[in-house]
Amino acid sequence: MTKDDKVKRIREYFNEILPSADCELNYKTDYELLIAVVLSAQTTDKKVNEVTKTLFKKYPTIDDYNNASLNDIENDIKVIGLYKAKSLAIKDIVYKLKNKFNYKVPDNKKDLMSMRGVGNKVANVVLIEIFNKEEFPVDTHVYRVAKRLGLANKNDSILLVEKKLRKAFKKEEYKLLHHQFIHFGRYYCKAINPSCQNCKLKDFCLDVHCNSSSIKTK
C-alpha cells in the first residue's frame, strides 16, 4: 500500500465515522478558548468544561480576571492538574491581553507564545479555531494515532509528527482532520483498550492490539 493510498483510506474512514468532529471545549469568546486550551494540558476536556462553566461566569471580562488575585484563580481551578502553574499562566495571559494586545487575542504564533503557558500546540489550536489558520495541532491523541497508522515513526517528536501530517494532507483539510484525529484517538483508537475489532484501518495499523488474538472492544 502506498502512502497516498493510506492517506486516502484514513480520510475516507474518518469522514465516515466522524464527519462533523469539532472542538469539545466550551467557550464563547476568543480569550475563553485560549484559557480553556491552557487549562486542558494533562487534563480531559470534560474536566476543563466543568471548571470553566463556573470560571467563565465568575469572570465575564478580561478585566475581571485582572482584578482577581492569584489565590482566587488557584481556588477556582484547583480541581484540575497543574492548577498552580495554570493560574500563573491565566494571570499572565489576561495581563498581556489588556496591556500589550489591546484586549484582543493575537492572530500570530509569536505573540501567542509570548504569553505564559502558551506553547506551540496551544497556539496552533487558537490559530486554527479562531482565525482559521492552516495549522495542525498535535495533542496526545493525534500523536498516538499518527504513529499507530504509520504516518509517523515511533521516535518522532511532536514537531516532526506535525510536519509529517501537514505534508500528508491538504491544507484545507487540517481543521476537520485535527478534530477527527482527536476524536478517533479519544473514542476509538484509545491508548488502553482500543476498539480494533471493527476498525477499517486495522490492516495497516502498527499497534500490537490490532494483531492480537484477543482483541478487546469498547
Protein backbone atom coordinates (compact mmCIF):
# COMPACT_ATOMS: atom_id res chain seq x y z
CA MET A 1 0.00 0.00 0.00
CA THR A 2 1.39 3.38 -0.97
CA LYS A 3 1.38 6.33 1.40
CA ASP A 4 -1.17 8.09 -0.80
CA ASP A 5 -3.47 5.06 -0.58
CA LYS A 6 -3.12 5.01 3.18
CA VAL A 7 -3.87 8.73 3.49
CA LYS A 8 -6.94 8.30 1.27
CA ARG A 9 -8.28 5.44 3.37
CA ILE A 10 -7.74 7.36 6.61
CA ARG A 11 -9.50 10.40 5.22
CA GLU A 12 -12.44 8.33 3.94
CA TYR A 13 -12.82 6.36 7.16
CA PHE A 14 -12.65 9.44 9.35
CA ASN A 15 -15.27 11.13 7.18
CA GLU A 16 -17.44 8.03 7.53
CA ILE A 17 -17.34 7.73 11.33
CA LEU A 18 -16.54 11.32 12.36
CA PRO A 19 -17.99 13.60 9.67
CA SER A 20 -18.62 16.56 11.96
CA ALA A 21 -15.89 16.26 14.61
CA ASP A 22 -15.38 19.59 16.32
CA CYS A 23 -13.80 21.24 19.34
CA GLU A 24 -15.23 19.85 22.59
CA LEU A 25 -14.09 22.70 24.79
CA ASN A 26 -16.90 25.09 25.69
CA TYR A 27 -16.26 28.80 25.16
CA LYS A 28 -17.96 31.97 23.91
CA THR A 29 -15.09 34.39 23.36
CA ASP A 30 -11.64 34.16 21.85
CA TYR A 31 -9.87 34.62 25.17
CA GLU A 32 -12.08 31.98 26.81
CA LEU A 33 -10.87 29.46 24.26
CA LEU A 34 -7.27 30.47 24.93
CA ILE A 35 -7.76 29.97 28.66
CA ALA A 36 -9.60 26.68 28.16
CA VAL A 37 -6.84 25.26 25.97
CA VAL A 38 -4.20 26.26 28.52
CA LEU A 39 -6.25 24.54 31.23
CA SER A 40 -6.57 21.39 29.11
CA ALA A 41 -2.91 20.42 29.42
CA GLN A 42 -2.79 16.95 31.03
CA THR A 43 -6.50 17.29 31.80
CA THR A 44 -9.57 15.99 29.99
CA ASP A 45 -11.82 18.37 28.07
CA LYS A 46 -14.71 17.13 30.21
CA LYS A 47 -13.00 18.25 33.41
CA VAL A 48 -11.99 21.57 31.85
CA ASN A 49 -15.59 22.23 30.82
CA GLU A 50 -16.74 21.54 34.38
CA VAL A 51 -14.27 24.11 35.70
CA THR A 52 -14.83 26.77 33.05
CA LYS A 53 -18.60 26.60 33.45
CA THR A 54 -18.12 28.36 36.78
CA LEU A 55 -14.92 30.21 35.92
CA PHE A 56 -16.29 31.97 32.83
CA LYS A 57 -19.40 33.00 34.69
CA LYS A 58 -17.41 34.39 37.61
CA TYR A 59 -15.04 36.37 35.34
CA PRO A 60 -17.06 37.56 32.32
CA THR A 61 -14.41 40.03 31.14
CA ILE A 62 -10.63 40.23 30.86
CA ASP A 63 -10.64 43.00 33.47
CA ASP A 64 -12.42 40.70 35.90
CA TYR A 65 -9.54 38.23 35.63
CA ASN A 66 -7.03 41.03 36.05
CA ASN A 67 -8.78 42.23 39.18
CA ALA A 68 -8.83 38.76 40.71
CA SER A 69 -5.97 37.64 42.93
CA LEU A 70 -3.74 34.72 42.05
CA ASN A 71 -5.12 32.91 45.08
CA ASP A 72 -8.67 33.40 43.80
CA ILE A 73 -7.78 31.86 40.43
CA GLU A 74 -5.99 28.97 42.13
CA ASN A 75 -9.06 28.20 44.23
CA ASP A 76 -11.28 28.39 41.16
CA ILE A 77 -9.31 25.80 39.18
CA LYS A 78 -7.64 23.70 41.89
CA VAL A 79 -9.60 20.56 40.96
CA ILE A 80 -7.57 20.16 37.77
CA GLY A 81 -3.95 19.16 37.41
CA LEU A 82 -1.11 21.67 37.48
CA TYR A 83 -3.51 24.30 38.81
CA LYS A 84 -0.79 26.49 40.33
CA ALA A 85 1.15 26.77 37.06
CA LYS A 86 -2.08 27.27 35.12
CA SER A 87 -3.19 30.02 37.49
CA LEU A 88 0.07 31.88 36.86
CA ALA A 89 -0.49 31.38 33.13
CA ILE A 90 -4.00 32.81 33.26
CA LYS A 91 -2.83 35.89 35.15
CA ASP A 92 -0.04 36.49 32.65
CA ILE A 93 -2.35 35.95 29.69
CA VAL A 94 -5.02 38.39 30.82
CA TYR A 95 -2.41 40.97 31.82
CA LYS A 96 -0.84 40.86 28.37
CA LEU A 97 -4.18 40.77 26.58
CA LYS A 98 -5.04 44.03 28.33
CA ASN A 99 -1.70 45.83 28.34
CA LYS A 100 0.04 44.54 25.25
CA PHE A 101 -2.65 43.36 22.83
CA ASN A 102 -5.49 45.85 23.45
CA TYR A 103 -7.86 43.17 24.78
CA LYS A 104 -7.55 41.09 21.61
CA VAL A 105 -6.18 37.58 21.24
CA PRO A 106 -3.28 37.91 18.78
CA ASP A 107 -3.54 36.14 15.43
CA ASN A 108 0.09 35.08 15.14
CA LYS A 109 2.18 32.42 16.83
CA LYS A 110 4.97 34.71 18.01
CA ASP A 111 2.66 36.91 20.07
CA LEU A 112 0.61 34.00 21.35
CA MET A 113 3.70 32.15 22.52
CA SER A 114 4.94 35.26 24.33
CA MET A 115 2.29 34.53 26.95
CA ARG A 116 2.92 32.16 29.82
CA GLY A 117 1.55 28.65 29.31
CA VAL A 118 1.13 29.07 25.55
CA GLY A 119 3.34 26.67 23.66
CA ASN A 120 3.25 25.55 20.05
CA LYS A 121 0.23 23.27 20.45
CA VAL A 122 -1.87 25.80 22.35
CA ALA A 123 -1.01 28.50 19.82
CA ASN A 124 -1.90 26.19 16.93
CA VAL A 125 -5.28 25.36 18.46
CA VAL A 126 -6.14 29.03 18.92
CA LEU A 127 -4.98 29.92 15.41
CA ILE A 128 -6.92 27.14 13.71
CA GLU A 129 -10.09 27.51 15.80
CA ILE A 130 -10.41 31.28 15.97
CA PHE A 131 -8.58 32.51 12.91
CA ASN A 132 -8.90 29.51 10.58
CA LYS A 133 -5.15 29.46 10.07
CA GLU A 134 -3.60 26.46 8.32
CA GLU A 135 -2.24 24.79 11.43
CA PHE A 136 -2.26 21.15 12.56
CA PRO A 137 -2.18 20.96 16.38
CA VAL A 138 -0.75 17.71 17.72
CA ASP A 139 -2.01 16.63 21.12
CA THR A 140 -1.55 13.25 22.78
CA HIS A 141 -4.33 11.65 20.73
CA VAL A 142 -3.08 12.95 17.38
CA TYR A 143 0.45 11.95 18.35
CA ARG A 144 -0.57 8.37 19.20
CA VAL A 145 -2.87 7.81 16.22
CA ALA A 146 -0.40 9.21 13.68
CA LYS A 147 2.23 6.75 14.86
CA ARG A 148 -0.15 3.78 15.05
CA LEU A 149 -1.31 4.41 11.48
CA GLY A 150 2.23 4.71 10.17
CA LEU A 151 2.05 8.40 9.32
CA ALA A 152 4.99 9.00 11.65
CA ASN A 153 7.79 6.93 13.12
CA LYS A 154 7.92 5.61 16.67
CA ASN A 155 10.59 8.03 17.87
CA ASP A 156 9.38 11.14 16.03
CA SER A 157 8.98 14.29 18.12
CA ILE A 158 5.70 16.16 18.32
CA LEU A 159 7.02 18.81 15.93
CA LEU A 160 8.12 16.16 13.43
CA VAL A 161 4.73 14.43 13.62
CA GLU A 162 3.10 17.80 12.94
CA LYS A 163 5.38 18.36 9.96
CA LYS A 164 4.55 14.93 8.50
CA LEU A 165 0.80 15.39 8.95
CA ARG A 166 0.98 18.78 7.24
CA LYS A 167 2.76 17.15 4.32
CA ALA A 168 0.39 14.17 4.11
CA PHE A 169 -2.88 16.09 4.00
CA LYS A 170 -4.21 19.11 2.16
CA LYS A 171 -4.23 22.44 3.97
CA GLU A 172 -7.96 22.87 3.60
CA GLU A 173 -8.42 19.58 5.46
CA TYR A 174 -6.34 20.46 8.52
CA LYS A 175 -9.08 21.80 10.79
CA LEU A 176 -11.52 18.91 10.37
CA LEU A 177 -8.77 16.29 10.35
CA HIS A 178 -7.25 17.69 13.52
CA HIS A 179 -10.55 17.11 15.31
CA GLN A 180 -11.09 13.75 13.62
CA PHE A 181 -7.70 12.52 14.81
CA ILE A 182 -8.52 13.68 18.34
CA HIS A 183 -11.97 12.08 18.40
CA PHE A 184 -10.65 8.89 16.83
CA GLY A 185 -7.94 8.66 19.49
CA ARG A 186 -10.30 9.60 22.30
CA TYR A 187 -13.23 7.32 21.45
CA TYR A 188 -11.92 4.58 19.14
CA CYS A 189 -8.14 4.22 18.99
CA LYS A 190 -7.69 4.71 22.72
CA ALA A 191 -4.34 4.38 24.47
CA ILE A 192 -5.69 1.48 26.52
CA ASN A 193 -8.27 -1.00 25.23
CA PRO A 194 -8.64 0.44 21.70
CA SER A 195 -11.65 -0.63 19.63
CA CYS A 196 -9.75 -2.55 16.98
CA GLN A 197 -12.23 -5.23 16.02
CA ASN A 198 -14.37 -3.23 13.60
CA CYS A 199 -11.77 -0.63 12.61
CA LYS A 200 -11.33 -0.42 8.86
CA LEU A 201 -7.73 0.71 9.28
CA LYS A 202 -6.50 -2.22 11.37
CA ASP A 203 -4.86 -3.99 8.43
CA PHE A 204 -2.09 -1.39 8.36
CA CYS A 205 -2.15 -0.26 12.00
CA LEU A 206 1.23 -0.78 13.64
CA ASP A 207 -0.13 -1.25 17.15
CA VAL A 208 0.08 -4.69 18.74
CA HIS A 209 -3.63 -4.62 19.66
CA CYS A 210 -4.64 -4.99 16.02
CA ASN A 211 -2.63 -8.18 15.70
CA SER A 212 -3.83 -9.69 18.95
CA SER A 213 -5.95 -12.82 19.01
CA SER A 214 -7.90 -11.45 21.96
CA ILE A 215 -9.00 -8.05 20.70
CA LYS A 216 -10.97 -6.04 23.20
CA THR A 217 -13.75 -3.70 22.19
CA LYS A 218 -15.11 -0.67 23.91
